[in-house]
Amino acid sequence: MTGASDGIGAAAARRLHRSGAAVVLVGRSPEKTAAVTAELPGAVGLTADFSRLDDVRRLAAELRERLPRIDVLANNAGASFGRRTVTEDGHERTFQVDQLAPYLLTRLLEEPLRAARGRVVATASFVHWVGAVRRGHLAEVVRAAGPYVATRAYARAKWCNVLTTRELARRWAPEVSATCFDPGAVATSFGQASGGVTGLAFRTPLTAFMRTPAQGADTLVWLATAADGWRNGGYHSDRSRALSLPSSRDDVRARELWELCAELVGLPG
């Protein structure tokens, strides 16, 4: 469970632990990750900063060493940044943290996922509906060209999550399944730290009407544990199949994005 030190990830980890799952929590903050891990006897806590791809590679190596099989990989970590920042790897930070780092982690954990006939669950968002990029222009997501708008950068990254889920399900079937979901508007520290219009909404009285982290985590836990009801490669909301933006169901763009991400992290397409 990435992004497990707070919010949806911590809530999901607690529920999965109560159900008897062996849980590995991954967070950016050593202190916060250790605090949640201490609540869950037998759980393991690891740290990684997804704005550094070498951290992701180190994390994957440690997970492969510890775990010969992984039944569920929950790619839940994410962030939105108010200002355009380029990481030490040369990528726009929101795109790297929300899309490129989980893509790399998933690719590097292919062997233990296949060994378990496991599944990958990605935390997407309804905001992907305003994040589409034209065919042949996906490099725009990486560059974040033009005036930087935090909400647009985040929406594009979440649109990429939906596309990647579709392509992952196609490429790794039948051994590995992949799904993604919209947790809804959840009052968490993620929202409070976000930039742009999204972040503003989380710093107003509107938070009283938002979901709790436990409510936001419900569909994640369902996708991680349910035997059926979900669609491989699909987008979900409230324990049901949901409609995603038509462009996020475009197999041409899904293949293009997969190959672009592979090139950016130095893996074969």
C-alpha atoms as a PDB file:
ATOM      1  CA  MET A   1       0.000   0.000   0.000  1.00  0.00           C
ATOM      2  CA  THR A   2       1.709   3.166  -1.152  1.00  0.00           C
ATOM      3  CA  GLY A   3       0.618   6.473   0.305  1.00  0.00           C
ATOM      4  CA  ALA A   4      -0.133   4.534   3.497  1.00  0.00           C
ATOM      5  CA  SER A   5       1.075   7.032   6.084  1.00  0.00           C
ATOM      6  CA  ASP A   6      -2.141   9.061   6.059  1.00  0.00           C
ATOM      7  CA  GLY A   7      -5.596   9.468   4.545  1.00  0.00           C
ATOM      8  CA  ILE A   8      -7.095   6.830   2.280  1.00  0.00           C
ATOM      9  CA  GLY A   9      -3.988   4.643   2.299  1.00  0.00           C
ATOM     10  CA  ALA A  10      -3.777   4.462   6.094  1.00  0.00           C
ATOM     11  CA  ALA A  11      -7.512   3.759   6.368  1.00  0.00           C
ATOM     12  CA  ALA A  12      -7.315   0.980   3.768  1.00  0.00           C
ATOM     13  CA  ALA A  13      -4.234  -0.542   5.410  1.00  0.00           C
ATOM     14  CA  ARG A  14      -6.040  -0.678   8.762  1.00  0.00           C
ATOM     15  CA  ARG A  15      -9.058  -2.431   7.250  1.00  0.00           C
ATOM     16  CA  LEU A  16      -6.975  -4.925   5.300  1.00  0.00           C
ATOM     17  CA  HIS A  17      -4.917  -5.680   8.406  1.00  0.00           C
ATOM     18  CA  ARG A  18      -8.094  -6.306  10.430  1.00  0.00           C
ATOM     19  CA  SER A  19      -9.225  -8.761   7.776  1.00  0.00           C
ATOM     20  CA  GLY A  20      -6.045 -10.796   8.256  1.00  0.00           C
ATOM     21  CA  ALA A  21      -3.910  -9.532   5.370  1.00  0.00           C
ATOM     22  CA  ALA A  22      -0.152  -9.197   5.735  1.00  0.00           C
ATOM     23  CA  VAL A  23       0.313  -5.500   4.999  1.00  0.00           C
ATOM     24  CA  VAL A  24       3.370  -3.555   3.868  1.00  0.00           C
ATOM     25  CA  LEU A  25       2.896   0.192   4.251  1.00  0.00           C
ATOM     26  CA  VAL A  26       4.889   2.602   2.106  1.00  0.00           C
ATOM     27  CA  GLY A  27       5.001   6.314   2.880  1.00  0.00           C
ATOM     28  CA  ARG A  28       7.184   9.326   2.227  1.00  0.00           C
ATOM     29  CA  SER A  29       7.474  10.456   5.860  1.00  0.00           C
ATOM     30  CA  PRO A  30       9.424   8.054   8.106  1.00  0.00           C
ATOM     31  CA  GLU A  31       7.699   9.396  11.226  1.00  0.00           C
ATOM     32  CA  LYS A  32       4.132   9.178   9.915  1.00  0.00           C
ATOM     33  CA  THR A  33       4.717   5.797   8.272  1.00  0.00           C
ATOM     34  CA  ALA A  34       6.194   4.395  11.487  1.00  0.00           C
ATOM     35  CA  ALA A  35       3.247   5.709  13.519  1.00  0.00           C
ATOM     36  CA  VAL A  36       0.635   3.955  11.359  1.00  0.00           C
ATOM     37  CA  THR A  37       2.728   0.783  11.131  1.00  0.00           C
ATOM     38  CA  ALA A  38       2.966   0.660  14.945  1.00  0.00           C
ATOM     39  CA  GLU A  39      -0.834   0.393  15.116  1.00  0.00           C
ATOM     40  CA  LEU A  40      -0.801  -2.818  13.081  1.00  0.00           C
ATOM     41  CA  PRO A  41       0.999  -5.752  14.738  1.00  0.00           C
ATOM     42  CA  GLY A  42       3.113  -7.656  12.224  1.00  0.00           C
ATOM     43  CA  ALA A  43       2.860  -4.977   9.530  1.00  0.00           C
ATOM     44  CA  VAL A  44       5.980  -3.678   7.792  1.00  0.00           C
ATOM     45  CA  GLY A  45       6.656   0.007   7.136  1.00  0.00           C
ATOM     46  CA  LEU A  46       8.938   1.252   4.355  1.00  0.00           C
ATOM     47  CA  THR A  47       9.670   4.738   3.063  1.00  0.00           C
ATOM     48  CA  ALA A  48      10.207   6.148  -0.403  1.00  0.00           C
ATOM     49  CA  ASP A  49      10.004   9.578  -1.989  1.00  0.00           C
ATOM     50  CA  PHE A  50       8.326   9.200  -5.376  1.00  0.00           C
ATOM     51  CA  SER A  51       9.865  12.440  -6.592  1.00  0.00           C
ATOM     52  CA  ARG A  52      13.130  10.448  -6.790  1.00  0.00           C
ATOM     53  CA  LEU A  53      13.005   7.436  -9.101  1.00  0.00           C
ATOM     54  CA  ASP A  54      16.060   5.922  -7.451  1.00  0.00           C
ATOM     55  CA  ASP A  55      13.956   5.732  -4.271  1.00  0.00           C
ATOM     56  CA  VAL A  56      11.357   3.766  -6.222  1.00  0.00           C
ATOM     57  CA  ARG A  57      14.012   1.377  -7.540  1.00  0.00           C
ATOM     58  CA  ARG A  58      15.374   0.868  -4.015  1.00  0.00           C
ATOM     59  CA  LEU A  59      11.868   0.241  -2.692  1.00  0.00           C
ATOM     60  CA  ALA A  60      11.133  -2.303  -5.414  1.00  0.00           C
ATOM     61  CA  ALA A  61      14.388  -4.145  -4.709  1.00  0.00           C
ATOM     62  CA  GLU A  62      13.558  -4.336  -1.007  1.00  0.00           C
ATOM     63  CA  LEU A  63      10.044  -5.560  -1.694  1.00  0.00           C
ATOM     64  CA  ARG A  64      11.282  -8.243  -4.085  1.00  0.00           C
ATOM     65  CA  GLU A  65      13.774  -9.394  -1.467  1.00  0.00           C
ATOM     66  CA  ARG A  66      11.119  -9.576   1.250  1.00  0.00           C
ATOM     67  CA  LEU A  67       8.157 -10.836  -0.773  1.00  0.00           C
ATOM     68  CA  PRO A  68       8.337 -13.742  -3.226  1.00  0.00           C
ATOM     69  CA  ARG A  69       4.680 -13.018  -4.050  1.00  0.00           C
ATOM     70  CA  ILE A  70       2.442  -9.967  -3.875  1.00  0.00           C
ATOM     71  CA  ASP A  71      -1.297 -10.547  -3.973  1.00  0.00           C
ATOM     72  CA  VAL A  72      -2.247  -6.872  -4.209  1.00  0.00           C
ATOM     73  CA  LEU A  73      -0.236  -3.790  -5.115  1.00  0.00           C
ATOM     74  CA  ALA A  74      -2.204  -0.658  -4.189  1.00  0.00           C
ATOM     75  CA  ASN A  75      -0.763   2.328  -6.065  1.00  0.00           C
ATOM     76  CA  ASN A  76      -2.372   4.923  -3.853  1.00  0.00           C
ATOM     77  CA  ALA A  77       0.393   7.514  -3.362  1.00  0.00           C
ATOM     78  CA  GLY A  78      -0.264  10.831  -5.068  1.00  0.00           C
ATOM     79  CA  ALA A  79       0.202  14.566  -4.802  1.00  0.00           C
ATOM     80  CA  SER A  80      -0.646  17.861  -6.438  1.00  0.00           C
ATOM     81  CA  PHE A  81       1.770  20.780  -6.372  1.00  0.00           C
ATOM     82  CA  GLY A  82       0.855  24.439  -6.591  1.00  0.00           C
ATOM     83  CA  ARG A  83       3.970  25.417  -8.555  1.00  0.00           C
ATOM     84  CA  ARG A  84       5.700  23.773 -11.482  1.00  0.00           C
ATOM     85  CA  THR A  85       8.763  21.885 -10.261  1.00  0.00           C
ATOM     86  CA  VAL A  86      11.103  19.608 -12.175  1.00  0.00           C
ATOM     87  CA  THR A  87      12.457  16.599 -10.292  1.00  0.00           C
ATOM     88  CA  GLU A  88      16.100  15.531 -10.241  1.00  0.00           C
ATOM     89  CA  ASP A  89      15.045  12.935 -12.841  1.00  0.00           C
ATOM     90  CA  GLY A  90      13.977  15.740 -15.203  1.00  0.00           C
ATOM     91  CA  HIS A  91      10.193  15.324 -15.077  1.00  0.00           C
ATOM     92  CA  GLU A  92       7.360  17.592 -13.976  1.00  0.00           C
ATOM     93  CA  ARG A  93       6.801  16.655 -10.333  1.00  0.00           C
ATOM     94  CA  THR A  94       3.048  15.926 -10.334  1.00  0.00           C
ATOM     95  CA  PHE A  95       3.402  13.648 -13.361  1.00  0.00           C
ATOM     96  CA  GLN A  96       6.329  11.791 -11.802  1.00  0.00           C
ATOM     97  CA  VAL A  97       4.770  11.278  -8.373  1.00  0.00           C
ATOM     98  CA  ASP A  98       1.282  10.375  -9.592  1.00  0.00           C
ATOM     99  CA  GLN A  99       2.055   8.447 -12.783  1.00  0.00           C
ATOM    100  CA  LEU A 100       5.693   7.698 -13.542  1.00  0.00           C
ATOM    101  CA  ALA A 101       6.770   6.447 -10.101  1.00  0.00           C
ATOM    102  CA  PRO A 102       3.858   4.004  -9.678  1.00  0.00           C
ATOM    103  CA  TYR A 103       4.358   2.824 -13.256  1.00  0.00           C
ATOM    104  CA  LEU A 104       8.010   2.083 -12.485  1.00  0.00           C
ATOM    105  CA  LEU A 105       7.175   0.359  -9.189  1.00  0.00           C
ATOM    106  CA  THR A 106       4.574  -1.837 -10.877  1.00  0.00           C
ATOM    107  CA  ARG A 107       6.927  -2.826 -13.693  1.00  0.00           C
ATOM    108  CA  LEU A 108       9.676  -3.725 -11.204  1.00  0.00           C
ATOM    109  CA  LEU A 109       7.266  -5.875  -9.163  1.00  0.00           C
ATOM    110  CA  GLU A 110       6.011  -7.861 -12.140  1.00  0.00           C
ATOM    111  CA  GLU A 111       7.598 -11.129 -11.011  1.00  0.00           C
ATOM    112  CA  PRO A 112       6.040 -11.336  -7.494  1.00  0.00           C
ATOM    113  CA  LEU A 113       2.695 -10.121  -8.867  1.00  0.00           C
ATOM    114  CA  ARG A 114       2.671 -12.834 -11.533  1.00  0.00           C
ATOM    115  CA  ALA A 115       3.727 -15.435  -8.935  1.00  0.00           C
ATOM    116  CA  ALA A 116       0.604 -14.618  -6.889  1.00  0.00           C
ATOM    117  CA  ARG A 117      -1.716 -14.122  -9.867  1.00  0.00           C
ATOM    118  CA  GLY A 118      -2.193 -10.807  -8.140  1.00  0.00           C
ATOM    119  CA  ARG A 119      -3.929  -7.560  -8.876  1.00  0.00           C
ATOM    120  CA  VAL A 120      -2.919  -3.913  -9.091  1.00  0.00           C
ATOM    121  CA  VAL A 121      -5.311  -1.274  -7.756  1.00  0.00           C
ATOM    122  CA  ALA A 122      -4.683   2.380  -8.642  1.00  0.00           C
ATOM    123  CA  THR A 123      -6.235   5.406  -6.972  1.00  0.00           C
ATOM    124  CA  ALA A 124      -7.458   7.563  -9.854  1.00  0.00           C
ATOM    125  CA  SER A 125      -9.938  10.467  -9.657  1.00  0.00           C
ATOM    126  CA  PHE A 126     -13.042  11.924 -11.272  1.00  0.00           C
ATOM    127  CA  VAL A 127     -10.874  14.917 -12.246  1.00  0.00           C
ATOM    128  CA  HIS A 128      -9.389  12.780 -15.030  1.00  0.00           C
ATOM    129  CA  TRP A 129     -12.415  13.948 -17.063  1.00  0.00           C
ATOM    130  CA  VAL A 130     -10.607  17.251 -17.687  1.00  0.00           C
ATOM    131  CA  GLY A 131      -7.146  15.776 -18.246  1.00  0.00           C
ATOM    132  CA  ALA A 132      -7.191  14.334 -21.759  1.00  0.00           C
ATOM    133  CA  VAL A 133      -4.270  14.767 -24.159  1.00  0.00           C
ATOM    134  CA  ARG A 134      -4.439  14.237 -27.928  1.00  0.00           C
ATOM    135  CA  ARG A 135      -2.911  11.220 -29.628  1.00  0.00           C
ATOM    136  CA  GLY A 136       0.724  11.824 -30.437  1.00  0.00           C
ATOM    137  CA  HIS A 137       0.973  14.664 -27.887  1.00  0.00           C
ATOM    138  CA  LEU A 138       1.479  12.777 -24.641  1.00  0.00           C
ATOM    139  CA  ALA A 139       4.883  14.392 -24.177  1.00  0.00           C
ATOM    140  CA  GLU A 140       2.905  17.511 -23.191  1.00  0.00           C
ATOM    141  CA  VAL A 141       2.101  15.758 -19.910  1.00  0.00           C
ATOM    142  CA  VAL A 142       5.774  15.248 -19.164  1.00  0.00           C
ATOM    143  CA  ARG A 143       6.804  18.795 -20.059  1.00  0.00           C
ATOM    144  CA  ALA A 144       3.725  20.490 -18.565  1.00  0.00           C
ATOM    145  CA  ALA A 145       4.242  22.983 -21.391  1.00  0.00           C
ATOM    146  CA  GLY A 146       2.685  26.426 -21.264  1.00  0.00           C
ATOM    147  CA  PRO A 147       1.395  28.220 -18.159  1.00  0.00           C
ATOM    148  CA  TYR A 148       1.390  25.790 -15.248  1.00  0.00           C
ATOM    149  CA  VAL A 149      -2.037  25.049 -13.764  1.00  0.00           C
ATOM    150  CA  ALA A 150      -1.910  22.711 -10.767  1.00  0.00           C
ATOM    151  CA  THR A 151      -5.395  21.319 -11.305  1.00  0.00           C
ATOM    152  CA  ARG A 152      -4.678  20.551 -14.976  1.00  0.00           C
ATOM    153  CA  ALA A 153      -1.390  18.824 -14.138  1.00  0.00           C
ATOM    154  CA  TYR A 154      -3.127  16.648 -11.557  1.00  0.00           C
ATOM    155  CA  ALA A 155      -6.059  15.871 -13.890  1.00  0.00           C
ATOM    156  CA  ARG A 156      -3.670  14.778 -16.640  1.00  0.00           C
ATOM    157  CA  ALA A 157      -1.786  12.508 -14.245  1.00  0.00           C
ATOM    158  CA  LYS A 158      -5.049  10.882 -13.109  1.00  0.00           C
ATOM    159  CA  TRP A 159      -6.111  10.439 -16.762  1.00  0.00           C
ATOM    160  CA  CYS A 160      -2.790   8.666 -17.274  1.00  0.00           C
ATOM    161  CA  ASN A 161      -3.596   6.384 -14.324  1.00  0.00           C
ATOM    162  CA  VAL A 162      -6.819   5.256 -15.995  1.00  0.00           C
ATOM    163  CA  LEU A 163      -5.066   4.636 -19.316  1.00  0.00           C
ATOM    164  CA  THR A 164      -2.223   2.728 -17.651  1.00  0.00           C
ATOM    165  CA  THR A 165      -4.708   0.507 -15.833  1.00  0.00           C
ATOM    166  CA  ARG A 166      -6.292  -0.425 -19.138  1.00  0.00           C
ATOM    167  CA  GLU A 167      -2.971  -1.214 -20.811  1.00  0.00           C
ATOM    168  CA  LEU A 168      -1.606  -3.102 -17.805  1.00  0.00           C
ATOM    169  CA  ALA A 169      -4.682  -5.342 -17.752  1.00  0.00           C
ATOM    170  CA  ARG A 170      -4.229  -6.058 -21.467  1.00  0.00           C
ATOM    171  CA  ARG A 171      -0.499  -6.773 -21.317  1.00  0.00           C
ATOM    172  CA  TRP A 172      -0.313  -8.865 -18.139  1.00  0.00           C
ATOM    173  CA  ALA A 173      -3.528 -10.880 -18.457  1.00  0.00           C
ATOM    174  CA  PRO A 174      -4.398 -13.474 -17.366  1.00  0.00           C
ATOM    175  CA  GLU A 175      -1.817 -13.702 -14.573  1.00  0.00           C
ATOM    176  CA  VAL A 176      -2.253 -10.146 -13.250  1.00  0.00           C
ATOM    177  CA  SER A 177      -5.423  -8.043 -13.055  1.00  0.00           C
ATOM    178  CA  ALA A 178      -5.563  -4.262 -12.877  1.00  0.00           C
ATOM    179  CA  THR A 179      -8.290  -1.874 -11.763  1.00  0.00           C
ATOM    180  CA  CYS A 180      -8.572   1.768 -10.758  1.00  0.00           C
ATOM    181  CA  PHE A 181     -11.135   3.806  -8.859  1.00  0.00           C
ATOM    182  CA  ASP A 182     -12.352   7.250  -7.877  1.00  0.00           C
ATOM    183  CA  PRO A 183     -12.431   7.678  -4.077  1.00  0.00           C
ATOM    184  CA  GLY A 184     -14.586  10.801  -4.343  1.00  0.00           C
ATOM    185  CA  ALA A 185     -13.864  14.098  -2.612  1.00  0.00           C
ATOM    186  CA  VAL A 186     -12.159  13.061   0.618  1.00  0.00           C
ATOM    187  CA  ALA A 187     -11.101  15.448   3.393  1.00  0.00           C
ATOM    188  CA  THR A 188      -7.426  14.544   3.836  1.00  0.00           C
ATOM    189  CA  SER A 189      -4.090  16.297   4.264  1.00  0.00           C
ATOM    190  CA  PHE A 190      -3.472  15.583   0.560  1.00  0.00           C
ATOM    191  CA  GLY A 191      -6.306  17.901  -0.391  1.00  0.00           C
ATOM    192  CA  GLN A 192      -5.172  20.607   1.997  1.00  0.00           C
ATOM    193  CA  ALA A 193      -1.697  20.574   0.465  1.00  0.00           C
ATOM    194  CA  SER A 194      -2.868  20.578  -3.137  1.00  0.00           C
ATOM    195  CA  GLY A 195      -2.463  23.581  -5.362  1.00  0.00           C
ATOM    196  CA  GLY A 196      -4.966  25.403  -7.561  1.00  0.00           C
ATOM    197  CA  VAL A 197      -8.743  25.223  -7.363  1.00  0.00           C
ATOM    198  CA  THR A 198      -8.586  21.696  -5.953  1.00  0.00           C
ATOM    199  CA  GLY A 199      -6.515  22.765  -2.988  1.00  0.00           C
ATOM    200  CA  LEU A 200      -8.732  25.809  -2.359  1.00  0.00           C
ATOM    201  CA  ALA A 201     -11.797  23.572  -2.000  1.00  0.00           C
ATOM    202  CA  PHE A 202     -10.056  21.598   0.749  1.00  0.00           C
ATOM    203  CA  ARG A 203      -9.401  24.756   2.770  1.00  0.00           C
ATOM    204  CA  THR A 204     -13.020  25.924   2.983  1.00  0.00           C
ATOM    205  CA  PRO A 205     -16.120  24.834   4.951  1.00  0.00           C
ATOM    206  CA  LEU A 206     -16.863  22.489   2.010  1.00  0.00           C
ATOM    207  CA  THR A 207     -14.760  19.859   3.775  1.00  0.00           C
ATOM    208  CA  ALA A 208     -17.701  19.275   6.134  1.00  0.00           C
ATOM    209  CA  PHE A 209     -19.536  17.697   3.204  1.00  0.00           C
ATOM    210  CA  MET A 210     -16.617  15.561   1.989  1.00  0.00           C
ATOM    211  CA  ARG A 211     -16.019  11.901   2.671  1.00  0.00           C
ATOM    212  CA  THR A 212     -13.891  10.634   5.502  1.00  0.00           C
ATOM    213  CA  PRO A 213     -10.688   8.731   4.639  1.00  0.00           C
ATOM    214  CA  ALA A 214     -12.398   5.481   5.685  1.00  0.00           C
ATOM    215  CA  GLN A 215     -15.260   6.163   3.269  1.00  0.00           C
ATOM    216  CA  GLY A 216     -12.815   7.042   0.500  1.00  0.00           C
ATOM    217  CA  ALA A 217     -10.896   3.807   1.125  1.00  0.00           C
ATOM    218  CA  ASP A 218     -13.941   1.549   0.869  1.00  0.00           C
ATOM    219  CA  THR A 219     -13.765   0.934  -2.889  1.00  0.00           C
ATOM    220  CA  LEU A 220      -9.999   0.407  -2.702  1.00  0.00           C
ATOM    221  CA  VAL A 221     -10.485  -2.371  -0.127  1.00  0.00           C
ATOM    222  CA  TRP A 222     -13.298  -3.875  -2.217  1.00  0.00           C
ATOM    223  CA  LEU A 223     -11.159  -3.937  -5.349  1.00  0.00           C
ATOM    224  CA  ALA A 224      -8.284  -5.465  -3.379  1.00  0.00           C
ATOM    225  CA  THR A 225     -10.355  -8.290  -1.894  1.00  0.00           C
ATOM    226  CA  ALA A 226     -13.586  -8.954  -3.825  1.00  0.00           C
ATOM    227  CA  ALA A 227     -13.690 -12.118  -5.915  1.00  0.00           C
ATOM    228  CA  ASP A 228     -15.851 -10.537  -8.610  1.00  0.00           C
ATOM    229  CA  GLY A 229     -18.019  -7.539  -9.452  1.00  0.00           C
ATOM    230  CA  TRP A 230     -15.175  -5.386 -10.749  1.00  0.00           C
ATOM    231  CA  ARG A 231     -13.927  -5.143 -14.328  1.00  0.00           C
ATOM    232  CA  ASN A 232     -10.349  -5.968 -15.237  1.00  0.00           C
ATOM    233  CA  GLY A 233      -8.808  -2.858 -16.760  1.00  0.00           C
ATOM    234  CA  GLY A 234     -11.778  -0.776 -15.655  1.00  0.00           C
ATOM    235  CA  TYR A 235     -12.573   2.354 -13.677  1.00  0.00           C
ATOM    236  CA  HIS A 236     -14.787   2.099 -10.586  1.00  0.00           C
ATOM    237  CA  SER A 237     -16.615   4.203  -8.043  1.00  0.00           C
ATOM    238  CA  ASP A 238     -18.628   3.265  -4.937  1.00  0.00           C
ATOM    239  CA  ARG A 239     -18.026  -0.471  -5.438  1.00  0.00           C
ATOM    240  CA  SER A 240     -19.424  -0.318  -8.952  1.00  0.00           C
ATOM    241  CA  ARG A 241     -18.146  -0.059 -12.493  1.00  0.00           C
ATOM    242  CA  ALA A 242     -18.118   3.585 -13.553  1.00  0.00           C
ATOM    243  CA  LEU A 243     -17.849   5.496 -16.803  1.00  0.00           C
ATOM    244  CA  SER A 244     -14.483   7.066 -17.558  1.00  0.00           C
ATOM    245  CA  LEU A 245     -13.645   9.693 -20.148  1.00  0.00           C
ATOM    246  CA  PRO A 246     -13.831   8.136 -23.658  1.00  0.00           C
ATOM    247  CA  SER A 247     -10.210   9.080 -24.398  1.00  0.00           C
ATOM    248  CA  SER A 248      -9.127   7.115 -21.313  1.00  0.00           C
ATOM    249  CA  ARG A 249     -10.477   4.006 -23.063  1.00  0.00           C
ATOM    250  CA  ASP A 250      -8.433   4.608 -26.216  1.00  0.00           C
ATOM    251  CA  ASP A 251      -6.120   1.631 -26.782  1.00  0.00           C
ATOM    252  CA  VAL A 252      -3.873   3.652 -29.102  1.00  0.00           C
ATOM    253  CA  ARG A 253      -3.206   6.269 -26.429  1.00  0.00           C
ATOM    254  CA  ALA A 254      -2.854   3.555 -23.775  1.00  0.00           C
ATOM    255  CA  ARG A 255      -0.068   1.855 -25.750  1.00  0.00           C
ATOM    256  CA  GLU A 256       1.551   5.207 -26.520  1.00  0.00           C
ATOM    257  CA  LEU A 257       1.572   6.158 -22.826  1.00  0.00           C
ATOM    258  CA  TRP A 258       2.961   2.778 -21.743  1.00  0.00           C
ATOM    259  CA  GLU A 259       5.846   3.045 -24.203  1.00  0.00           C
ATOM    260  CA  LEU A 260       6.534   6.679 -23.277  1.00  0.00           C
ATOM    261  CA  CYS A 261       6.707   5.842 -19.571  1.00  0.00           C
ATOM    262  CA  ALA A 262       8.953   2.856 -20.288  1.00  0.00           C
ATOM    263  CA  GLU A 263      11.350   5.097 -22.191  1.00  0.00           C
ATOM    264  CA  LEU A 264      11.373   7.697 -19.421  1.00  0.00           C
ATOM    265  CA  VAL A 265      12.280   5.155 -16.711  1.00  0.00           C
ATOM    266  CA  GLY A 266      14.702   3.150 -18.854  1.00  0.00           C
ATOM    267  CA  LEU A 267      12.679  -0.041 -19.282  1.00  0.00           C
ATOM    268  CA  PRO A 268      11.701  -1.898 -22.474  1.00  0.00           C
ATOM    269  CA  GLY A 269       8.269  -1.019 -23.773  1.00  0.00           C
END
